[in-house]
N, C-alpha and C. Protein backbone atom coordinates (compact mmCIF):
# COMPACT_ATOMS: atom_id res chain seq x y z
N UNK A 1 47.60 62.96 126.28
CA UNK A 1 48.79 62.96 125.18
C UNK A 1 48.91 62.21 124.38
N UNK A 2 48.90 61.91 123.06
CA UNK A 2 49.36 60.72 122.41
C UNK A 2 50.56 60.23 122.25
N UNK A 3 50.94 58.91 121.57
CA UNK A 3 51.99 58.74 121.25
C UNK A 3 52.91 59.87 120.21
N UNK A 4 53.96 59.89 120.75
CA UNK A 4 54.82 61.06 119.56
C UNK A 4 54.94 60.54 118.29
N UNK A 5 55.07 61.52 117.49
CA UNK A 5 55.06 61.57 115.65
C UNK A 5 56.62 60.83 115.33
N UNK A 6 56.59 60.88 114.26
CA UNK A 6 57.74 60.46 113.87
C UNK A 6 58.75 61.59 114.01
N UNK A 7 59.80 61.33 114.24
CA UNK A 7 60.90 62.43 113.88
C UNK A 7 61.30 62.78 112.82
N UNK A 8 61.75 64.37 112.62
CA UNK A 8 62.07 65.02 111.48
C UNK A 8 63.46 64.31 110.83
N UNK A 9 64.13 63.94 111.68
CA UNK A 9 65.57 63.87 111.88
C UNK A 9 66.15 65.11 112.33
N UNK A 10 67.74 65.29 111.69
CA UNK A 10 68.77 66.47 112.05
C UNK A 10 68.02 67.39 111.00
N UNK A 11 68.21 68.89 111.62
CA UNK A 11 67.72 69.88 110.54
C UNK A 11 68.85 71.08 111.03
N UNK A 12 69.35 71.63 110.07
CA UNK A 12 70.45 72.40 109.97
C UNK A 12 70.12 73.84 109.76
N UNK A 13 70.09 74.73 110.77
CA UNK A 13 69.60 76.28 110.58
C UNK A 13 70.66 76.77 109.94
N UNK A 14 69.92 77.70 109.02
CA UNK A 14 70.78 78.79 108.50
C UNK A 14 70.05 80.00 107.87
N UNK A 15 70.78 81.12 107.49
CA UNK A 15 70.04 81.71 106.91
C UNK A 15 70.02 81.86 105.28
N UNK A 16 68.83 82.40 104.67
CA UNK A 16 68.44 81.83 103.38
C UNK A 16 69.15 83.12 102.38
N UNK A 17 70.50 82.84 102.19
CA UNK A 17 71.37 84.28 101.59
C UNK A 17 72.31 83.06 100.51
N UNK A 18 72.50 84.04 99.76
CA UNK A 18 73.44 83.44 98.68
C UNK A 18 74.49 84.53 98.20
N UNK A 19 75.58 84.32 98.15
CA UNK A 19 76.73 85.18 97.58
C UNK A 19 76.26 85.75 96.55
N UNK A 20 76.81 87.34 96.13
CA UNK A 20 76.29 87.69 94.49
C UNK A 20 77.35 87.25 93.74
N UNK A 21 76.75 86.79 92.18
CA UNK A 21 77.07 85.96 91.18
C UNK A 21 77.05 87.12 89.70
N UNK A 22 78.16 87.12 89.10
CA UNK A 22 78.30 88.13 87.77
C UNK A 22 78.25 86.65 86.73
N UNK A 23 77.14 86.77 85.66
CA UNK A 23 77.43 86.42 84.72
C UNK A 23 77.69 87.28 83.64
N UNK A 24 78.63 87.57 82.93
CA UNK A 24 79.00 88.46 81.53
C UNK A 24 79.49 87.71 80.60
N UNK A 25 79.05 88.20 79.30
CA UNK A 25 79.50 87.25 78.02
C UNK A 25 81.05 87.60 77.83
N UNK A 26 81.47 86.15 77.30
CA UNK A 26 82.94 85.92 77.19
C UNK A 26 83.77 87.20 76.43
N UNK A 27 83.03 88.19 75.61
CA UNK A 27 83.60 89.08 74.70
C UNK A 27 84.31 90.24 75.73
N UNK A 28 83.71 90.35 76.85
CA UNK A 28 84.12 91.15 77.80
C UNK A 28 85.44 90.71 78.55
N UNK A 29 85.89 89.68 78.19
CA UNK A 29 87.11 89.12 79.02
C UNK A 29 88.29 90.13 78.46
N UNK A 30 88.31 90.09 76.88
CA UNK A 30 89.00 90.85 76.01
C UNK A 30 89.10 92.41 76.07
N UNK A 31 89.92 93.41 75.74
CA UNK A 31 89.43 94.95 75.85
C UNK A 31 88.46 94.94 74.55
N UNK A 32 87.79 95.49 75.36
CA UNK A 32 86.64 96.05 74.26
C UNK A 32 86.91 97.59 73.59
N UNK A 33 86.86 97.50 72.16
CA UNK A 33 87.53 98.33 71.34
C UNK A 33 86.13 99.06 70.69
N UNK A 34 86.07 100.29 70.86
CA UNK A 34 84.98 101.13 70.53
C UNK A 34 85.84 102.34 69.45
N UNK A 35 85.37 102.85 68.62
CA UNK A 35 85.54 103.95 67.98
C UNK A 35 85.01 105.73 68.18
N UNK A 36 85.50 106.54 68.03
CA UNK A 36 85.05 107.43 69.03
C UNK A 36 83.48 108.02 68.26
N UNK A 37 82.95 108.45 69.00
CA UNK A 37 81.49 108.67 68.22
C UNK A 37 80.41 107.31 68.16
N UNK A 38 80.88 106.15 68.58
CA UNK A 38 80.13 105.18 69.10
C UNK A 38 79.76 104.98 70.15
N UNK A 39 78.74 103.84 70.44
CA UNK A 39 78.23 103.28 71.92
C UNK A 39 79.06 102.40 72.33
N UNK A 40 79.51 102.54 73.48
CA UNK A 40 79.80 101.65 74.55
C UNK A 40 79.07 100.80 75.33
N UNK A 41 78.46 99.45 75.19
CA UNK A 41 77.66 99.03 76.33
C UNK A 41 77.95 97.73 76.83
N UNK A 42 78.11 97.91 78.42
CA UNK A 42 78.29 96.74 79.09
C UNK A 42 77.27 96.32 79.71
N UNK A 43 77.03 94.73 79.87
CA UNK A 43 75.54 94.32 80.43
C UNK A 43 75.79 93.11 81.17
N UNK A 44 75.20 92.59 82.19
CA UNK A 44 75.92 91.61 82.85
C UNK A 44 74.18 90.84 83.69
N UNK A 45 74.17 89.63 83.71
CA UNK A 45 73.38 89.28 84.53
C UNK A 45 73.78 88.72 85.70
N UNK A 46 72.70 89.10 87.28
CA UNK A 46 73.19 88.98 88.13
C UNK A 46 72.35 88.39 89.11
N UNK A 47 72.80 87.88 89.92
CA UNK A 47 72.45 87.19 91.09
C UNK A 47 72.86 87.22 92.64
N UNK A 48 71.77 86.61 93.68
CA UNK A 48 72.48 86.81 94.50
C UNK A 48 71.14 86.94 95.67
N UNK A 49 70.98 86.62 96.68
CA UNK A 49 69.78 86.74 97.85
C UNK A 49 70.66 87.39 99.09
N UNK A 50 70.15 88.24 99.72
CA UNK A 50 69.17 89.10 98.91
C UNK A 50 69.55 89.88 97.94
N UNK A 51 68.62 90.60 97.15
CA UNK A 51 69.36 91.18 95.54
C UNK A 51 70.43 91.90 95.90
N UNK A 52 71.38 91.45 95.64
CA UNK A 52 72.85 92.38 95.50
C UNK A 52 72.58 94.20 95.40
N UNK A 53 73.44 94.83 95.89
CA UNK A 53 73.53 96.11 95.66
C UNK A 53 74.56 96.49 94.26
N UNK A 54 74.09 96.99 93.54
CA UNK A 54 75.18 97.13 92.46
C UNK A 54 75.89 98.74 92.41
N UNK A 55 77.10 98.47 91.98
CA UNK A 55 77.95 99.74 91.47
C UNK A 55 78.62 99.69 90.75
N UNK A 56 78.83 100.86 89.87
CA UNK A 56 79.63 100.85 88.76
C UNK A 56 80.81 101.88 88.86
N UNK A 57 82.15 101.93 88.61
CA UNK A 57 83.19 102.33 89.01
C UNK A 57 84.34 102.57 87.53
N UNK A 58 84.83 103.51 87.30
CA UNK A 58 85.73 103.51 86.18
C UNK A 58 87.23 104.09 86.95
N UNK A 59 88.18 103.71 86.38
CA UNK A 59 89.60 103.92 86.95
C UNK A 59 89.31 104.22 88.64
N UNK A 60 88.90 103.46 89.35
CA UNK A 60 88.43 103.92 90.83
C UNK A 60 87.67 104.68 91.39
N UNK A 61 86.84 105.50 90.45
CA UNK A 61 85.88 106.48 90.82
C UNK A 61 84.58 106.18 90.60
N UNK A 62 83.49 106.12 91.13
CA UNK A 62 82.21 105.95 90.87
C UNK A 62 81.63 106.83 89.84
N UNK A 63 80.81 106.18 88.63
CA UNK A 63 80.46 106.76 87.73
C UNK A 63 79.39 106.97 87.88
N UNK A 64 79.01 108.52 87.32
CA UNK A 64 78.11 109.23 87.96
C UNK A 64 77.05 109.49 86.50
N UNK A 65 75.58 109.30 86.80
CA UNK A 65 74.95 109.21 85.42
C UNK A 65 74.87 110.73 84.93
N UNK A 66 74.71 110.87 83.43
CA UNK A 66 74.94 112.22 82.81
C UNK A 66 74.49 111.73 81.47
N UNK A 67 74.39 113.16 80.41
CA UNK A 67 73.89 113.00 79.35
C UNK A 67 74.21 111.69 78.39
N UNK A 68 75.67 111.68 78.56
CA UNK A 68 76.24 110.24 77.73
C UNK A 68 75.78 109.35 78.50
N UNK A 69 76.02 109.14 79.52
CA UNK A 69 76.02 108.08 80.51
C UNK A 69 74.71 107.48 81.31
N UNK A 70 74.39 106.02 80.95
CA UNK A 70 72.96 105.74 81.50
C UNK A 70 73.43 104.35 82.26
N UNK A 71 72.84 104.18 83.22
CA UNK A 71 73.01 103.15 84.06
C UNK A 71 71.77 102.40 84.61
N UNK A 72 71.35 101.11 84.20
CA UNK A 72 70.34 100.67 84.19
C UNK A 72 70.16 99.22 84.88
N UNK A 73 69.50 99.14 86.17
CA UNK A 73 69.67 97.87 86.92
C UNK A 73 68.21 97.48 87.20
N UNK A 74 68.29 96.22 87.48
CA UNK A 74 66.94 95.23 87.90
C UNK A 74 67.69 94.14 88.68
N UNK A 75 66.64 93.25 89.26
CA UNK A 75 67.07 92.34 90.35
C UNK A 75 67.89 91.23 89.72
N UNK A 76 68.05 91.41 88.39
CA UNK A 76 68.49 90.28 87.44
C UNK A 76 69.66 90.95 86.50
N UNK A 77 69.54 92.00 86.49
CA UNK A 77 70.29 92.32 84.76
C UNK A 77 71.06 93.83 85.29
N UNK A 78 72.26 94.32 85.08
CA UNK A 78 72.54 95.75 84.96
C UNK A 78 73.27 95.76 83.84
N UNK A 79 73.17 97.24 83.28
CA UNK A 79 73.71 97.72 82.16
C UNK A 79 74.47 98.65 82.04
N UNK A 80 75.81 99.48 81.53
CA UNK A 80 76.03 100.78 81.65
C UNK A 80 76.13 101.11 80.06
N UNK A 81 75.68 102.09 79.51
CA UNK A 81 75.79 102.61 78.04
C UNK A 81 76.35 104.20 78.16
N UNK A 82 77.33 104.15 76.91
CA UNK A 82 78.06 105.79 77.27
C UNK A 82 77.76 105.76 75.71
N UNK A 83 77.36 106.74 75.35
CA UNK A 83 76.86 107.28 74.14
C UNK A 83 77.88 108.12 73.53
N UNK A 84 78.13 108.37 72.43
CA UNK A 84 79.31 109.32 71.54
C UNK A 84 80.42 109.37 72.13
N UNK A 85 81.06 108.58 72.40
CA UNK A 85 81.88 107.85 73.16
C UNK A 85 83.34 109.02 72.54
N UNK A 86 84.18 109.60 73.67
CA UNK A 86 85.41 110.18 73.72
C UNK A 86 86.29 109.41 74.01
N UNK A 87 88.04 109.87 73.57
CA UNK A 87 88.93 109.27 74.06
C UNK A 87 88.81 109.20 75.22
N UNK A 88 88.28 110.18 76.42
CA UNK A 88 88.57 109.86 77.83
C UNK A 88 87.63 108.75 78.02
N UNK A 89 86.73 108.23 77.65
CA UNK A 89 85.74 107.19 78.02
C UNK A 89 86.76 106.05 77.94
N UNK A 90 88.16 105.65 77.42
CA UNK A 90 88.93 104.73 77.85
C UNK A 90 89.06 104.22 79.17
N UNK A 91 89.36 103.00 79.43
CA UNK A 91 89.88 102.71 80.78
C UNK A 91 89.53 101.47 81.06
N UNK A 92 89.13 101.30 82.56
CA UNK A 92 88.96 100.12 83.39
C UNK A 92 87.28 100.32 83.92
N UNK A 93 86.39 99.59 83.34
CA UNK A 93 84.78 99.44 84.13
C UNK A 93 84.77 98.43 84.91
N UNK A 94 84.50 98.43 86.17
CA UNK A 94 84.42 97.97 87.29
C UNK A 94 82.65 97.40 87.76
N UNK A 95 82.36 96.39 87.52
CA UNK A 95 81.22 96.05 88.12
C UNK A 95 81.10 95.48 89.73
N UNK A 96 80.52 95.75 90.73
CA UNK A 96 80.70 95.29 91.95
C UNK A 96 79.17 95.42 92.53
N UNK A 97 78.97 93.92 93.08
CA UNK A 97 77.95 93.27 93.78
C UNK A 97 78.32 93.29 95.29
N UNK A 98 76.86 93.73 95.94
CA UNK A 98 77.33 93.63 97.56
C UNK A 98 76.01 93.18 98.08
N UNK A 99 75.85 91.99 98.90
CA UNK A 99 74.88 91.53 99.95
C UNK A 99 75.29 91.56 101.21
N UNK A 100 74.70 90.81 102.12
CA UNK A 100 74.96 90.21 103.23
C UNK A 100 75.93 88.82 103.43
N UNK A 101 75.81 88.53 102.10
CA UNK A 101 76.75 86.93 102.00
C UNK A 101 78.00 87.31 101.41
N UNK A 102 78.24 88.94 100.74
CA UNK A 102 79.56 89.16 100.13
C UNK A 102 79.54 90.06 99.40
N UNK A 103 80.67 90.03 98.85
CA UNK A 103 80.89 91.19 97.70
C UNK A 103 81.48 90.56 96.34
N UNK A 104 81.53 90.93 95.01
CA UNK A 104 81.75 90.18 93.63
C UNK A 104 81.99 91.84 92.96
N UNK A 105 83.13 91.50 92.26
CA UNK A 105 83.66 92.63 91.44
C UNK A 105 83.95 91.87 90.05
N UNK A 106 83.90 92.25 88.85
CA UNK A 106 84.35 92.19 87.65
C UNK A 106 84.72 93.16 86.82
N UNK A 107 86.10 93.37 86.37
CA UNK A 107 86.60 94.56 85.45
C UNK A 107 86.52 94.26 84.28
N UNK A 108 86.16 95.45 83.40
CA UNK A 108 86.23 95.30 82.15
C UNK A 108 86.89 96.13 81.70
N UNK A 109 88.19 96.21 80.58
CA UNK A 109 88.83 97.19 80.13
C UNK A 109 88.58 97.77 78.60
N UNK A 110 88.12 98.76 78.45
CA UNK A 110 87.76 99.51 77.23
C UNK A 110 88.74 100.52 76.81
N UNK A 111 88.62 100.52 75.34
CA UNK A 111 89.70 101.35 74.50
C UNK A 111 88.81 101.71 73.57
N UNK A 112 88.81 103.50 73.62
CA UNK A 112 88.43 104.47 72.48
C UNK A 112 89.39 104.85 71.48
N UNK A 113 89.22 104.29 70.02
CA UNK A 113 89.86 104.63 69.20
C UNK A 113 89.59 106.15 68.78
N UNK A 114 90.69 107.25 68.57
CA UNK A 114 90.20 108.43 68.28
C UNK A 114 91.26 109.19 67.90
N UNK A 115 91.36 110.44 67.31
CA UNK A 115 92.29 111.43 66.93
C UNK A 115 93.38 111.67 68.43
N UNK A 116 94.46 111.99 68.25
CA UNK A 116 95.55 112.12 69.51
C UNK A 116 95.23 113.34 70.28
N UNK A 117 95.24 113.25 71.43
CA UNK A 117 95.57 114.28 72.26
C UNK A 117 96.41 115.58 72.06
N UNK A 118 96.53 116.51 72.56
CA UNK A 118 97.68 117.54 71.94
C UNK A 118 99.15 117.13 72.64
N UNK A 119 99.84 117.23 71.59
CA UNK A 119 101.15 117.06 71.81
C UNK A 119 101.59 117.24 73.48
N UNK A 120 102.77 116.64 73.94
CA UNK A 120 103.46 117.35 75.23
C UNK A 120 104.01 118.71 75.49
N UNK A 121 103.46 119.55 76.12
CA UNK A 121 104.12 120.75 76.26
C UNK A 121 105.03 120.94 77.34
N UNK A 122 105.91 122.00 77.27
CA UNK A 122 105.75 123.18 76.08
C UNK A 122 105.85 123.08 75.14
N UNK A 123 105.71 123.67 74.11
CA UNK A 123 106.24 123.97 72.91
C UNK A 123 107.43 124.80 73.04
N UNK A 124 108.59 124.17 73.06
CA UNK A 124 109.89 124.97 73.02
C UNK A 124 110.30 125.75 71.82
N UNK A 125 110.66 127.06 72.02
CA UNK A 125 111.29 128.01 71.39
C UNK A 125 112.70 128.10 71.25
N UNK A 126 113.84 127.78 70.50
CA UNK A 126 114.94 128.29 70.58
C UNK A 126 115.44 128.91 69.20
N UNK A 127 116.97 129.53 69.52
CA UNK A 127 117.55 129.81 68.35
C UNK A 127 116.73 130.62 67.32
N UNK A 128 115.93 131.32 68.13
CA UNK A 128 115.04 132.96 67.43
C UNK A 128 116.10 133.62 66.72
N UNK A 129 115.72 134.06 65.54
CA UNK A 129 116.36 135.45 64.78
C UNK A 129 115.11 136.05 64.05
N UNK A 130 115.57 136.97 63.30
CA UNK A 130 114.61 137.57 62.45
C UNK A 130 113.90 137.04 61.27
N UNK A 131 114.89 135.57 60.86
CA UNK A 131 114.16 135.29 59.99
C UNK A 131 113.72 133.41 60.25
N UNK A 132 114.44 132.97 61.82
CA UNK A 132 113.81 131.45 61.72
C UNK A 132 113.94 131.35 63.31
N UNK A 133 113.55 130.04 63.24
CA UNK A 133 113.55 129.69 64.68
C UNK A 133 113.80 128.01 64.82
N UNK A 134 113.49 127.59 66.04
CA UNK A 134 113.76 125.94 66.42
C UNK A 134 112.61 125.81 66.98
N UNK A 135 111.75 124.80 66.70
CA UNK A 135 110.58 123.95 67.66
C UNK A 135 110.94 122.64 67.99
N UNK A 136 110.57 122.60 69.57
CA UNK A 136 110.69 121.29 69.66
C UNK A 136 109.39 120.80 71.09
N UNK A 137 109.14 119.50 70.49
CA UNK A 137 107.80 119.30 71.63
C UNK A 137 108.05 117.92 72.11
N UNK A 138 107.06 117.20 72.88
CA UNK A 138 107.06 115.92 73.33
C UNK A 138 105.64 115.04 72.63
N UNK A 139 105.88 113.56 72.27
CA UNK A 139 104.43 113.34 71.63
C UNK A 139 103.51 113.39 72.58
N UNK A 140 102.04 112.96 72.30
CA UNK A 140 101.10 113.14 72.77
C UNK A 140 100.95 112.06 74.02
N UNK A 141 100.44 112.47 75.14
CA UNK A 141 100.10 111.49 76.18
C UNK A 141 99.14 110.68 75.62
N UNK A 142 98.28 110.85 75.03
CA UNK A 142 97.27 110.11 74.76
C UNK A 142 97.15 110.13 72.87
N UNK A 143 97.56 108.62 72.56
CA UNK A 143 97.61 108.84 71.03
C UNK A 143 96.52 108.51 70.33
N UNK A 144 95.42 108.26 71.12
CA UNK A 144 94.10 107.84 70.44
C UNK A 144 93.95 106.22 69.93
N UNK A 145 94.78 105.26 70.69
CA UNK A 145 94.89 104.14 70.36
C UNK A 145 95.50 103.81 68.98
N UNK A 146 96.20 104.52 68.14
CA UNK A 146 96.82 104.23 67.06
C UNK A 146 98.19 105.40 67.36
N UNK A 147 99.37 104.58 66.11
CA UNK A 147 100.61 105.35 66.35
C UNK A 147 100.32 106.67 65.74
N UNK A 148 101.39 107.38 66.26
CA UNK A 148 101.41 109.16 65.53
C UNK A 148 102.15 108.93 64.44
N UNK A 149 101.54 109.11 63.14
CA UNK A 149 102.07 109.10 61.72
C UNK A 149 103.09 110.35 61.62
N UNK A 150 102.53 111.23 61.77
CA UNK A 150 103.81 112.52 61.67
C UNK A 150 103.19 113.81 62.44
N UNK A 151 103.64 115.08 62.48
CA UNK A 151 102.71 116.02 62.69
C UNK A 151 102.68 117.12 62.07
N UNK A 152 102.13 118.14 62.29
CA UNK A 152 101.41 119.48 61.17
C UNK A 152 102.36 120.49 62.26
N UNK A 153 102.83 121.35 61.64
CA UNK A 153 103.35 122.60 62.25
C UNK A 153 102.83 123.80 61.61
N UNK A 154 102.24 124.55 62.48
CA UNK A 154 101.57 126.03 61.67
C UNK A 154 102.43 126.98 62.51
N UNK A 155 102.20 128.44 61.71
CA UNK A 155 102.39 129.57 62.55
C UNK A 155 101.54 130.57 62.20
N UNK A 156 101.42 131.72 63.19
CA UNK A 156 100.47 132.61 62.61
C UNK A 156 100.65 133.99 63.22
N UNK A 157 100.43 134.90 62.57
CA UNK A 157 101.02 136.33 63.09
C UNK A 157 100.05 136.79 64.06
N UNK A 158 100.60 137.15 65.04
CA UNK A 158 99.18 137.63 66.20
C UNK A 158 98.44 138.97 65.73
N UNK A 159 98.70 139.47 64.56
CA UNK A 159 97.96 140.54 64.12
C UNK A 159 96.66 139.95 63.13
N UNK A 160 97.13 138.46 62.92
CA UNK A 160 96.52 138.03 61.77
C UNK A 160 95.49 136.65 62.70
N UNK A 161 94.23 135.98 62.01
CA UNK A 161 93.26 135.39 62.14
C UNK A 161 93.91 133.71 61.33
N UNK A 162 94.10 133.84 60.32
CA UNK A 162 94.75 132.59 59.78
C UNK A 162 96.08 132.10 60.11
N UNK A 163 95.70 130.71 60.08
CA UNK A 163 97.42 130.04 60.47
C UNK A 163 97.85 129.76 58.87
N UNK A 164 99.14 129.84 58.84
CA UNK A 164 99.89 129.14 57.88
C UNK A 164 100.57 127.81 57.91
N UNK A 165 100.85 127.17 57.38
CA UNK A 165 101.30 126.00 57.12
C UNK A 165 102.78 125.70 56.94
N UNK A 166 103.74 125.38 57.87
CA UNK A 166 104.98 125.12 57.87
C UNK A 166 105.66 123.84 57.64
N UNK A 167 104.76 122.94 58.31
CA UNK A 167 105.05 121.40 57.93
C UNK A 167 103.97 120.94 57.68
N UNK A 168 103.39 119.78 56.73
CA UNK A 168 102.56 119.22 56.73
C UNK A 168 102.59 117.76 57.11
N UNK A 169 103.45 117.11 56.83
CA UNK A 169 104.10 115.82 57.19
C UNK A 169 105.53 115.54 58.05
N UNK A 170 105.70 116.20 59.09
CA UNK A 170 106.82 116.35 59.80
C UNK A 170 106.87 114.90 60.52
N UNK A 171 108.14 114.33 60.69
CA UNK A 171 108.19 112.93 61.00
C UNK A 171 109.07 112.86 62.69
N UNK A 172 109.15 113.73 62.56
CA UNK A 172 110.13 113.82 64.49
C UNK A 172 109.11 114.95 65.11
N UNK A 173 109.62 115.27 66.70
CA UNK A 173 109.11 116.30 67.42
C UNK A 173 109.99 117.63 67.40
N UNK A 174 110.61 117.69 66.56
CA UNK A 174 111.78 119.22 66.36
C UNK A 174 111.36 119.31 65.17
N UNK A 175 111.57 120.77 64.73
CA UNK A 175 111.78 121.02 63.52
C UNK A 175 112.14 122.67 63.55
N UNK A 176 112.78 123.09 62.13
CA UNK A 176 113.06 124.37 62.22
C UNK A 176 112.21 125.07 60.93
N UNK A 177 111.94 126.22 61.61
CA UNK A 177 111.06 127.16 60.92
C UNK A 177 111.67 128.51 60.40
N UNK A 178 111.25 128.48 59.14
CA UNK A 178 112.15 129.54 58.52
C UNK A 178 111.28 130.60 57.71
N UNK A 179 111.50 131.41 57.09
CA UNK A 179 110.77 132.83 56.47
C UNK A 179 110.03 133.52 57.12
N UNK A 180 110.35 133.55 58.23
CA UNK A 180 109.43 134.77 59.32
C UNK A 180 110.32 136.18 59.01
N UNK A 181 109.34 137.14 59.40
CA UNK A 181 109.42 138.49 58.76
C UNK A 181 109.95 139.29 60.04
N UNK A 182 111.05 139.96 59.86
CA UNK A 182 111.70 140.48 60.95
C UNK A 182 110.54 141.68 61.38
N UNK A 183 110.46 141.46 62.64
CA UNK A 183 109.73 142.51 63.70
C UNK A 183 108.75 142.12 63.75
N UNK A 184 107.77 141.09 63.02
CA UNK A 184 106.48 140.41 63.26
C UNK A 184 106.54 139.67 64.37
N UNK A 185 105.40 139.47 65.23
CA UNK A 185 104.92 138.72 66.30
C UNK A 185 104.43 137.37 65.82
N UNK A 186 104.86 136.32 66.31
CA UNK A 186 104.26 134.80 65.81
C UNK A 186 103.55 133.93 66.62
N UNK A 187 102.63 133.17 66.80
CA UNK A 187 102.50 132.56 67.38
C UNK A 187 102.65 130.80 66.78
N UNK A 188 103.02 129.82 67.25
CA UNK A 188 103.54 128.72 66.55
C UNK A 188 102.30 127.62 67.31
N UNK A 189 101.69 126.32 66.05
CA UNK A 189 101.21 125.12 67.18
C UNK A 189 101.31 124.21 66.30
N UNK A 190 101.70 122.86 67.06
CA UNK A 190 101.89 121.45 66.73
C UNK A 190 100.58 120.59 66.61
N UNK A 191 100.23 119.81 65.70
CA UNK A 191 99.24 118.99 66.05
C UNK A 191 99.65 116.95 65.46
N UNK A 192 99.60 116.52 66.24
CA UNK A 192 99.56 115.29 66.15
C UNK A 192 98.72 114.38 65.04
N UNK A 193 98.84 113.91 64.11
CA UNK A 193 98.25 112.90 62.92
C UNK A 193 98.40 111.37 63.31
N UNK A 194 96.92 110.68 63.61
CA UNK A 194 96.89 109.22 63.32
C UNK A 194 95.96 108.58 62.29
N UNK A 195 95.64 107.50 62.32
CA UNK A 195 94.91 107.24 61.33
C UNK A 195 93.47 107.65 61.40
N UNK A 196 93.04 107.94 62.88
CA UNK A 196 91.58 108.44 62.86
C UNK A 196 91.68 109.77 62.71
N UNK A 197 92.84 110.95 62.40
CA UNK A 197 92.33 112.25 62.03
C UNK A 197 93.58 112.93 62.82
N UNK A 198 93.41 114.18 62.75
CA UNK A 198 94.55 115.60 63.43
C UNK A 198 93.91 115.56 64.61
N UNK A 199 94.91 115.50 65.65
CA UNK A 199 94.77 115.80 67.20
C UNK A 199 94.59 117.08 67.50
N UNK A 200 94.25 117.27 68.91
CA UNK A 200 94.34 119.06 69.34
C UNK A 200 95.63 119.56 69.04
N UNK A 201 95.81 120.81 69.07
CA UNK A 201 96.95 121.45 69.16
C UNK A 201 97.85 121.96 70.50
N UNK A 202 98.75 121.99 70.19
CA UNK A 202 99.65 122.45 71.30
C UNK A 202 100.37 124.11 70.74
N UNK A 203 100.02 125.13 71.63
CA UNK A 203 100.49 126.33 71.09
C UNK A 203 101.52 126.99 71.83
N UNK A 204 102.49 127.69 71.30
CA UNK A 204 103.58 128.47 71.97
C UNK A 204 102.89 129.70 72.33
N UNK A 205 103.81 130.33 73.12
CA UNK A 205 103.73 131.56 73.35
C UNK A 205 104.30 132.59 72.77
N UNK A 206 103.70 133.93 72.37
CA UNK A 206 103.95 134.98 71.16
C UNK A 206 105.34 135.01 71.53
N UNK A 207 105.95 135.33 70.17
CA UNK A 207 107.42 135.76 70.07
C UNK A 207 107.56 136.72 68.89
N UNK A 208 108.34 137.72 68.99
CA UNK A 208 108.89 138.25 68.15
C UNK A 208 110.32 138.20 67.02
N UNK A 209 109.89 138.33 65.83
CA UNK A 209 111.21 138.05 65.10
C UNK A 209 112.12 138.91 65.13
N UNK A 210 113.11 138.56 65.67
CA UNK A 210 114.17 139.39 65.84
C UNK A 210 115.38 138.94 66.09
N UNK A 211 116.31 139.50 65.83
CA UNK A 211 117.99 139.13 66.07
C UNK A 211 118.24 139.12 67.56
N UNK A 212 118.84 137.89 68.17
CA UNK A 212 119.25 138.25 69.52
C UNK A 212 120.49 139.36 69.82
N UNK A 213 120.88 139.90 69.08
CA UNK A 213 121.63 140.86 69.00
C UNK A 213 121.36 142.43 67.99
N UNK A 214 121.85 143.58 68.84
CA UNK A 214 121.63 144.68 68.04
C UNK A 214 122.77 145.21 67.37
N UNK A 215 122.72 146.53 66.68
CA UNK A 215 124.11 147.06 66.19
C UNK A 215 124.61 147.92 67.33
N UNK A 216 126.04 148.03 67.31
CA UNK A 216 126.62 149.17 68.47
C UNK A 216 126.09 150.21 68.67
N UNK A 217 125.76 150.78 69.83
CA UNK A 217 125.89 152.47 70.07
C UNK A 217 127.03 153.33 69.39
N UNK A 218 126.80 154.63 69.43
CA UNK A 218 127.65 155.22 68.62
C UNK A 218 129.12 155.20 69.64
N UNK A 219 130.50 155.28 69.39
CA UNK A 219 131.59 155.28 70.15
C UNK A 219 131.29 156.73 71.00
N UNK A 220 132.24 156.93 71.82
CA UNK A 220 132.16 158.17 72.77
C UNK A 220 133.52 158.64 72.98
N UNK A 221 133.78 159.69 73.24
CA UNK A 221 134.85 160.69 73.77
C UNK A 221 136.10 160.65 72.58
N UNK A 222 135.21 160.72 71.44
CA UNK A 222 136.32 160.93 70.23
C UNK A 222 137.27 162.21 70.76
N UNK A 223 138.35 161.74 70.53
CA UNK A 223 139.96 162.97 70.48
C UNK A 223 140.80 162.79 69.36
N UNK A 224 140.96 164.07 69.08
CA UNK A 224 141.99 164.01 67.99
C UNK A 224 143.41 164.72 68.58
N UNK A 225 144.30 164.03 68.24
CA UNK A 225 145.72 164.38 68.41
C UNK A 225 146.99 164.19 67.16
N UNK A 226 148.04 164.46 67.87
CA UNK A 226 148.80 164.24 66.86
C UNK A 226 148.93 165.30 65.39
N UNK A 227 148.32 166.02 65.24
CA UNK A 227 147.76 166.04 64.11
C UNK A 227 149.07 167.26 63.20
N UNK A 228 149.23 166.52 61.69
CA UNK A 228 150.39 167.33 61.09
C UNK A 228 149.89 167.58 59.61
N UNK A 229 150.43 167.88 58.88
CA UNK A 229 149.74 168.30 57.57
C UNK A 229 149.35 167.12 56.60
N UNK A 230 149.48 166.12 57.01
CA UNK A 230 149.00 164.96 56.30
C UNK A 230 148.42 163.78 57.14
N UNK A 231 148.50 164.14 58.66
CA UNK A 231 148.10 162.58 59.40
C UNK A 231 147.30 163.55 60.51
N UNK A 232 146.55 162.52 61.23
CA UNK A 232 146.15 162.76 62.51
C UNK A 232 145.70 161.57 63.32
N UNK A 233 145.87 161.36 64.55
CA UNK A 233 145.43 160.40 65.47
C UNK A 233 144.50 160.62 66.23
N UNK A 234 143.15 159.37 65.99
CA UNK A 234 141.62 159.46 66.25
C UNK A 234 141.79 158.43 67.66
């Protein structure tokens, strides 16, 4: 046996792992705004050892790839692309990385600017007569990212296909409809309008234009008494 070699000095034994890291452009810290029909793309550089498992969720639910949605990930990058954005694509997108050293998440808020959703129902119909009625509704739950400017109110006879305009720029969530035709059956609908266009309609049930009262039935038991030459009692 020879003399011993030089000592290595103290050595710390540890696993060769790093917790996940996400590097994302500063523009994703603010709300990402896209118009309906445009493309939403969120991308990030990722790191970690071993390579972390990547998952994307929206509003708490895992995102499934479909015709409009594509997720592409490598060991160093990940990106989600949503084509032809619609109003429902608004929400919070969360990127999560996970490996044996830990978990890291980052959220990105997105707003899609679009036409409004339907007004809040039901479309209530009161004060119906043979000539007029009163409609009321609630503002849309989804305004499309812009204030509702006004409402369009239309009516249609159930025997016809075409809708007839009642109000083109109505400012409030109730209105009076006149010029109904006695005995005809009608359906009414309301649409909200913002600067991106006319929203989806809310329709009423069918109603017949008739008065809430009728003429009396004939009197009964008509008796004649106390007849004289110039009078009688009925």
